[in-house]
């Protein structure tokens, strides 16, 4: 992965110049930053591909380059050489076209030995800003770690069970380790109530509770139930002005964690938490959660 240091500065200017309170607010400036950032990525992509490499993805301040079967000790050599040539090319382009000095600085950042970008549902296209990869230590090729971007394991609105499940499942598949029994055991433990403390969902109420009128999502339902219980117990309000709510999905819908009364809806956690995570990577193994469980999802 190659990244642009200058893009961080551009993003900062975008945030400032796009704020209503900024004295220099001008939509043309904001549009220009977006346009130039996109132009930098596209022209960098074209340069890299002209050099004989395949660019598989570009994301705000990075381009992902597929090197193919390259020895580990050659990856950094190629990455550093490519960035040096690209930086020199940008210096020349900006000087000749605009008569300005270049402050763009492309650098070799990360070596993924394996990389996965889950597809958008119903499409063959990858989902933007969502990927996982096995990162190789630059000094020790035997040392690796997983990096997740935008996936469920780094999102607070997914349960701890789902996040841990994704990390372990991806680790096993990336390292070519057995994973089917792990999936079956996790589902079995879930149905037996082993993970009750790891099923808590947490989400922010971004508006006042009374402002949710048409669509009432689960976390709002849970907050309203909590408020009613607290009113009956003559306790002060917690969620009328917004804030974070922790809740659990039960057979009677979303209920606040601290006031849950109903049985947990384990099928929800299987169908809406574990299965989507598993299927997003199992599809590349020509498999699915349903196949691994032998179509016995209805056991619950």
Protein backbone atom coordinates (compact mmCIF):
# COMPACT_ATOMS: atom_id res chain seq x y z
CA UNK A 1 0.00 0.00 0.00
CA UNK A 2 1.31 3.45 -0.95
CA UNK A 3 -0.01 6.55 0.80
CA UNK A 4 0.13 10.31 0.40
CA UNK A 5 1.17 12.40 3.39
CA UNK A 6 -0.04 15.59 1.71
CA UNK A 7 -3.61 14.28 1.60
CA UNK A 8 -3.89 14.51 5.39
CA UNK A 9 -3.29 18.25 5.15
CA UNK A 10 -5.78 18.56 2.29
CA UNK A 11 -8.44 16.74 4.34
CA UNK A 12 -7.86 19.17 7.20
CA UNK A 13 -8.42 22.13 4.90
CA UNK A 14 -11.54 20.44 3.53
CA UNK A 15 -12.99 20.19 7.02
CA UNK A 16 -12.23 23.80 7.87
CA UNK A 17 -13.29 25.39 4.58
CA UNK A 18 -16.49 23.34 4.51
CA UNK A 19 -17.59 24.53 7.95
CA UNK A 20 -20.30 27.19 8.07
CA UNK A 21 -18.48 29.00 10.88
CA UNK A 22 -15.30 29.43 8.83
CA UNK A 23 -14.75 32.98 7.57
CA UNK A 24 -13.27 31.56 4.36
CA UNK A 25 -16.21 29.26 3.63
CA UNK A 26 -16.52 28.72 -0.11
CA UNK A 27 -18.01 25.65 -1.77
CA UNK A 28 -15.67 26.12 -4.73
CA UNK A 29 -12.63 25.65 -2.50
CA UNK A 30 -14.09 22.49 -1.00
CA UNK A 31 -14.91 21.11 -4.45
CA UNK A 32 -11.42 21.94 -5.68
CA UNK A 33 -9.80 19.98 -2.83
CA UNK A 34 -11.96 16.94 -3.61
CA UNK A 35 -11.26 17.21 -7.32
CA UNK A 36 -7.49 17.61 -6.90
CA UNK A 37 -7.31 14.75 -4.44
CA UNK A 38 -9.12 12.50 -6.89
CA UNK A 39 -6.88 13.71 -9.70
CA UNK A 40 -3.74 12.89 -7.69
CA UNK A 41 -4.95 9.34 -7.06
CA UNK A 42 -5.95 8.74 -10.69
CA UNK A 43 -2.70 10.07 -12.14
CA UNK A 44 -0.66 8.14 -9.55
CA UNK A 45 -2.59 5.01 -10.50
CA UNK A 46 -1.85 5.59 -14.18
CA UNK A 47 1.86 6.07 -13.46
CA UNK A 48 2.06 2.87 -11.38
CA UNK A 49 0.26 0.82 -14.02
CA UNK A 50 2.49 2.26 -16.76
CA UNK A 51 5.42 1.01 -14.68
CA UNK A 52 4.03 -2.51 -15.04
CA UNK A 53 2.10 -3.00 -11.78
CA UNK A 54 -1.61 -3.51 -11.13
CA UNK A 55 -3.51 -1.08 -8.89
CA UNK A 56 -6.39 -2.96 -7.28
CA UNK A 57 -7.86 -0.21 -5.09
CA UNK A 58 -7.57 3.47 -4.22
CA UNK A 59 -8.88 5.02 -1.02
CA UNK A 60 -8.71 8.75 -0.16
CA UNK A 61 -4.98 8.85 0.55
CA UNK A 62 -3.75 5.44 -0.61
CA UNK A 63 -3.35 3.16 -3.59
CA UNK A 64 -3.10 -0.61 -3.25
CA UNK A 65 -0.68 -2.27 -5.65
CA UNK A 66 -0.65 -5.98 -6.49
CA UNK A 67 2.94 -7.20 -6.83
CA UNK A 68 2.18 -10.87 -7.40
CA UNK A 69 4.73 -13.55 -6.59
CA UNK A 70 7.58 -11.45 -5.23
CA UNK A 71 10.09 -12.61 -2.58
CA UNK A 72 9.58 -10.92 0.77
CA UNK A 73 12.98 -9.22 0.74
CA UNK A 74 12.11 -7.57 -2.59
CA UNK A 75 8.80 -6.02 -1.54
CA UNK A 76 10.29 -3.01 0.25
CA UNK A 77 12.88 -2.55 -2.50
CA UNK A 78 10.14 -2.38 -5.12
CA UNK A 79 7.91 -0.19 -2.94
CA UNK A 80 10.66 2.33 -2.17
CA UNK A 81 11.80 2.45 -5.79
CA UNK A 82 8.25 2.96 -7.04
CA UNK A 83 7.53 5.78 -4.59
CA UNK A 84 10.83 7.51 -5.38
CA UNK A 85 10.06 7.47 -9.10
CA UNK A 86 6.47 8.59 -8.51
CA UNK A 87 7.55 11.50 -6.30
CA UNK A 88 10.09 12.58 -8.93
CA UNK A 89 7.39 12.39 -11.59
CA UNK A 90 5.05 14.61 -9.57
CA UNK A 91 7.84 17.11 -8.94
CA UNK A 92 8.48 17.35 -12.67
CA UNK A 93 4.79 17.53 -13.60
CA UNK A 94 3.94 20.35 -11.17
CA UNK A 95 7.03 22.35 -12.12
CA UNK A 96 6.44 22.07 -15.86
CA UNK A 97 2.66 22.57 -15.84
CA UNK A 98 2.16 25.07 -13.03
CA UNK A 99 5.61 26.40 -12.19
CA UNK A 100 5.26 25.34 -8.53
CA UNK A 101 7.21 23.15 -6.14
CA UNK A 102 5.75 19.77 -5.25
CA UNK A 103 4.97 18.99 -1.63
CA UNK A 104 3.40 15.66 -2.47
CA UNK A 105 5.12 12.78 -0.72
CA UNK A 106 4.11 9.27 -1.66
CA UNK A 107 5.57 6.61 0.64
CA UNK A 108 5.56 2.83 0.87
CA UNK A 109 3.50 2.07 3.96
CA UNK A 110 2.21 -1.49 4.36
CA UNK A 111 2.90 -4.93 2.94
CA UNK A 112 -0.14 -7.19 2.88
CA UNK A 113 0.71 -10.81 2.18
CA UNK A 114 -3.02 -11.50 1.94
CA UNK A 115 -5.77 -8.98 1.34
CA UNK A 116 -9.56 -9.20 1.29
CA UNK A 117 -12.14 -6.63 0.32
CA UNK A 118 -15.67 -8.00 0.88
CA UNK A 119 -18.03 -7.35 -2.00
CA UNK A 120 -21.11 -5.18 -1.85
CA UNK A 121 -24.17 -7.38 -1.39
CA UNK A 122 -25.63 -8.33 -4.75
CA UNK A 123 -22.58 -7.09 -6.63
CA UNK A 124 -19.10 -8.20 -7.64
CA UNK A 125 -17.66 -4.82 -6.71
CA UNK A 126 -15.67 -4.34 -3.52
CA UNK A 127 -17.10 -2.18 -0.77
CA UNK A 128 -15.20 1.08 -0.33
CA UNK A 129 -13.11 1.65 2.79
CA UNK A 130 -13.82 -1.87 4.06
CA UNK A 131 -11.05 -4.41 3.96
CA UNK A 132 -8.85 -6.75 5.96
CA UNK A 133 -5.31 -7.86 5.36
CA UNK A 134 -2.47 -9.91 6.79
CA UNK A 135 0.36 -7.45 7.40
CA UNK A 136 3.94 -8.70 7.23
CA UNK A 137 6.53 -7.23 9.59
CA UNK A 138 9.16 -5.38 7.56
CA UNK A 139 12.03 -6.80 9.60
CA UNK A 140 10.72 -10.29 10.26
CA UNK A 141 8.68 -12.00 7.52
CA UNK A 142 7.53 -14.65 10.01
CA UNK A 143 5.77 -12.02 12.12
CA UNK A 144 2.31 -10.99 10.95
CA UNK A 145 -0.80 -9.32 12.30
CA UNK A 146 -4.29 -8.65 10.99
CA UNK A 147 -5.42 -5.16 10.04
CA UNK A 148 -9.12 -4.36 9.72
CA UNK A 149 -10.55 -1.23 8.12
CA UNK A 150 -14.25 -0.38 8.26
CA UNK A 151 -15.33 -3.97 8.98
CA UNK A 152 -17.49 -5.18 11.84
CA UNK A 153 -14.55 -5.95 14.14
CA UNK A 154 -13.74 -2.25 14.43
CA UNK A 155 -17.32 -0.99 14.71
CA UNK A 156 -18.82 -0.33 18.13
CA UNK A 157 -22.40 -0.99 16.96
CA UNK A 158 -21.67 -4.72 16.52
CA UNK A 159 -21.64 -7.08 19.49
CA UNK A 160 -18.33 -8.11 21.09
CA UNK A 161 -19.12 -11.68 20.03
CA UNK A 162 -19.41 -10.68 16.37
CA UNK A 163 -16.23 -8.60 16.47
CA UNK A 164 -14.19 -11.36 18.11
CA UNK A 165 -15.70 -13.94 15.77
CA UNK A 166 -14.58 -11.98 12.73
CA UNK A 167 -11.04 -11.51 13.99
CA UNK A 168 -10.58 -15.20 14.76
CA UNK A 169 -12.30 -16.48 11.62
CA UNK A 170 -10.26 -14.20 9.35
CA UNK A 171 -7.07 -15.14 11.20
CA UNK A 172 -7.69 -18.82 10.65
CA UNK A 173 -8.53 -18.44 6.98
CA UNK A 174 -5.65 -16.07 6.24
CA UNK A 175 -3.22 -18.48 7.91
CA UNK A 176 -4.74 -21.52 6.19
CA UNK A 177 -5.85 -23.04 9.47
CA UNK A 178 -9.02 -25.16 10.05
CA UNK A 179 -12.06 -22.95 10.55
CA UNK A 180 -15.23 -25.03 10.09
CA UNK A 181 -15.18 -26.57 13.58
CA UNK A 182 -14.54 -23.13 15.04
CA UNK A 183 -17.71 -21.84 13.36
CA UNK A 184 -19.77 -24.83 14.55
CA UNK A 185 -18.47 -24.53 18.11
CA UNK A 186 -19.19 -20.81 18.25
CA UNK A 187 -22.77 -21.35 17.07
CA UNK A 188 -23.24 -24.17 19.57
CA UNK A 189 -21.90 -22.06 22.43
CA UNK A 190 -24.15 -19.19 21.37
CA UNK A 191 -27.28 -21.37 21.50
CA UNK A 192 -26.25 -22.68 24.92
CA UNK A 193 -26.06 -19.19 26.41
CA UNK A 194 -22.30 -19.09 26.82
CA UNK A 195 -21.90 -15.62 25.30
CA UNK A 196 -24.62 -13.69 27.10
CA UNK A 197 -22.24 -10.95 28.27
CA UNK A 198 -20.86 -10.60 24.72
CA UNK A 199 -24.20 -9.96 23.03
CA UNK A 200 -24.57 -6.36 24.14
CA UNK A 201 -25.09 -3.88 21.31
CA UNK A 202 -24.11 -0.27 21.80
CA UNK A 203 -25.27 2.65 19.71
CA UNK A 204 -25.55 6.40 19.99
CA UNK A 205 -28.80 8.32 20.05
CA UNK A 206 -27.90 11.23 17.80
CA UNK A 207 -31.15 13.10 18.38
CA UNK A 208 -33.47 13.70 21.26
CA UNK A 209 -35.61 10.65 21.93
CA UNK A 210 -38.84 12.42 21.03
CA UNK A 211 -37.44 13.41 17.63
CA UNK A 212 -37.52 9.81 16.38
CA UNK A 213 -40.96 9.66 14.75
CA UNK A 214 -41.16 7.68 11.50
CA UNK A 215 -38.42 5.07 11.69
CA UNK A 216 -37.82 3.68 15.17
CA UNK A 217 -34.57 1.64 15.08
CA UNK A 218 -33.83 -0.98 17.76
CA UNK A 219 -31.59 1.21 19.90
CA UNK A 220 -34.32 3.86 20.09
CA UNK A 221 -36.87 1.22 21.07
CA UNK A 222 -34.55 0.06 23.83
CA UNK A 223 -34.02 3.62 25.06
CA UNK A 224 -37.75 4.28 25.21
CA UNK A 225 -38.31 1.08 27.19
CA UNK A 226 -35.57 2.13 29.59
CA UNK A 227 -37.14 5.56 30.02
CA UNK A 228 -40.54 4.05 30.76
CA UNK A 229 -39.09 1.70 33.37
CA UNK A 230 -37.16 4.55 34.99
CA UNK A 231 -40.30 6.72 35.02
CA UNK A 232 -42.23 3.97 36.77
CA UNK A 233 -39.44 3.65 39.34
CA UNK A 234 -39.27 7.41 39.74
CA UNK A 235 -35.70 7.55 38.49
CA UNK A 236 -34.23 10.46 36.49
CA UNK A 237 -34.16 10.33 32.71
CA UNK A 238 -31.07 8.97 30.95
CA UNK A 239 -31.81 9.12 27.23
CA UNK A 240 -34.29 11.89 26.49
CA UNK A 241 -31.51 14.21 25.33
CA UNK A 242 -29.58 11.53 23.44
CA UNK A 243 -26.43 9.67 24.43
CA UNK A 244 -25.27 6.06 24.22
CA UNK A 245 -27.56 3.11 24.84
CA UNK A 246 -26.57 -0.50 25.49
CA UNK A 247 -29.18 -3.07 24.57
CA UNK A 248 -29.79 -6.74 23.80
CA UNK A 249 -32.00 -8.22 21.11
CA UNK A 250 -34.67 -10.42 22.71
CA UNK A 251 -37.69 -12.37 21.52
CA UNK A 252 -39.67 -9.21 22.32
CA UNK A 253 -37.37 -6.90 20.40
CA UNK A 254 -34.59 -4.65 21.63
CA UNK A 255 -34.42 -4.23 25.41
CA UNK A 256 -32.04 -2.09 27.46
CA UNK A 257 -29.19 -4.11 28.91
CA UNK A 258 -29.78 -3.08 32.51
CA UNK A 259 -33.54 -3.77 32.36
CA UNK A 260 -33.77 -6.84 30.14
CA UNK A 261 -36.72 -9.07 30.98
CA UNK A 262 -37.22 -11.28 27.90
CA UNK A 263 -35.28 -14.26 26.59
CA UNK A 264 -32.40 -13.51 24.23
CA UNK A 265 -33.11 -13.90 20.53
CA UNK A 266 -30.20 -16.17 19.64
CA UNK A 267 -31.41 -16.55 16.07
CA UNK A 268 -30.98 -12.81 15.58
CA UNK A 269 -27.34 -13.02 16.61
CA UNK A 270 -26.77 -15.97 14.32
CA UNK A 271 -28.59 -14.56 11.28
CA UNK A 272 -27.77 -10.87 11.66
CA UNK A 273 -24.38 -10.89 13.37
CA UNK A 274 -22.40 -14.09 12.78
CA UNK A 275 -23.70 -15.23 9.37
CA UNK A 276 -23.04 -11.96 7.48
CA UNK A 277 -19.50 -11.83 8.84
CA UNK A 278 -18.80 -15.45 7.97
CA UNK A 279 -20.37 -15.33 4.52
CA UNK A 280 -18.38 -12.24 3.52
CA UNK A 281 -15.20 -14.32 3.56
CA UNK A 282 -16.57 -17.84 3.08
CA UNK A 283 -17.83 -16.89 -0.38
CA UNK A 284 -14.18 -16.87 -1.47
CA UNK A 285 -13.96 -20.46 -0.22
CA UNK A 286 -17.08 -21.43 -2.20
CA UNK A 287 -18.83 -21.99 1.11
CA UNK A 288 -21.26 -20.33 3.50
CA UNK A 289 -22.41 -20.47 7.09
CA UNK A 290 -25.49 -22.42 6.00
CA UNK A 291 -23.43 -25.09 4.24
CA UNK A 292 -21.08 -25.51 7.19
CA UNK A 293 -23.97 -25.88 9.61
CA UNK A 294 -25.58 -28.42 7.24
CA UNK A 295 -28.69 -26.28 6.87
CA UNK A 296 -29.50 -26.68 10.56
CA UNK A 297 -29.79 -22.99 11.36
CA UNK A 298 -33.41 -23.61 12.37
CA UNK A 299 -32.32 -25.58 15.43
CA UNK A 300 -33.02 -22.57 17.61
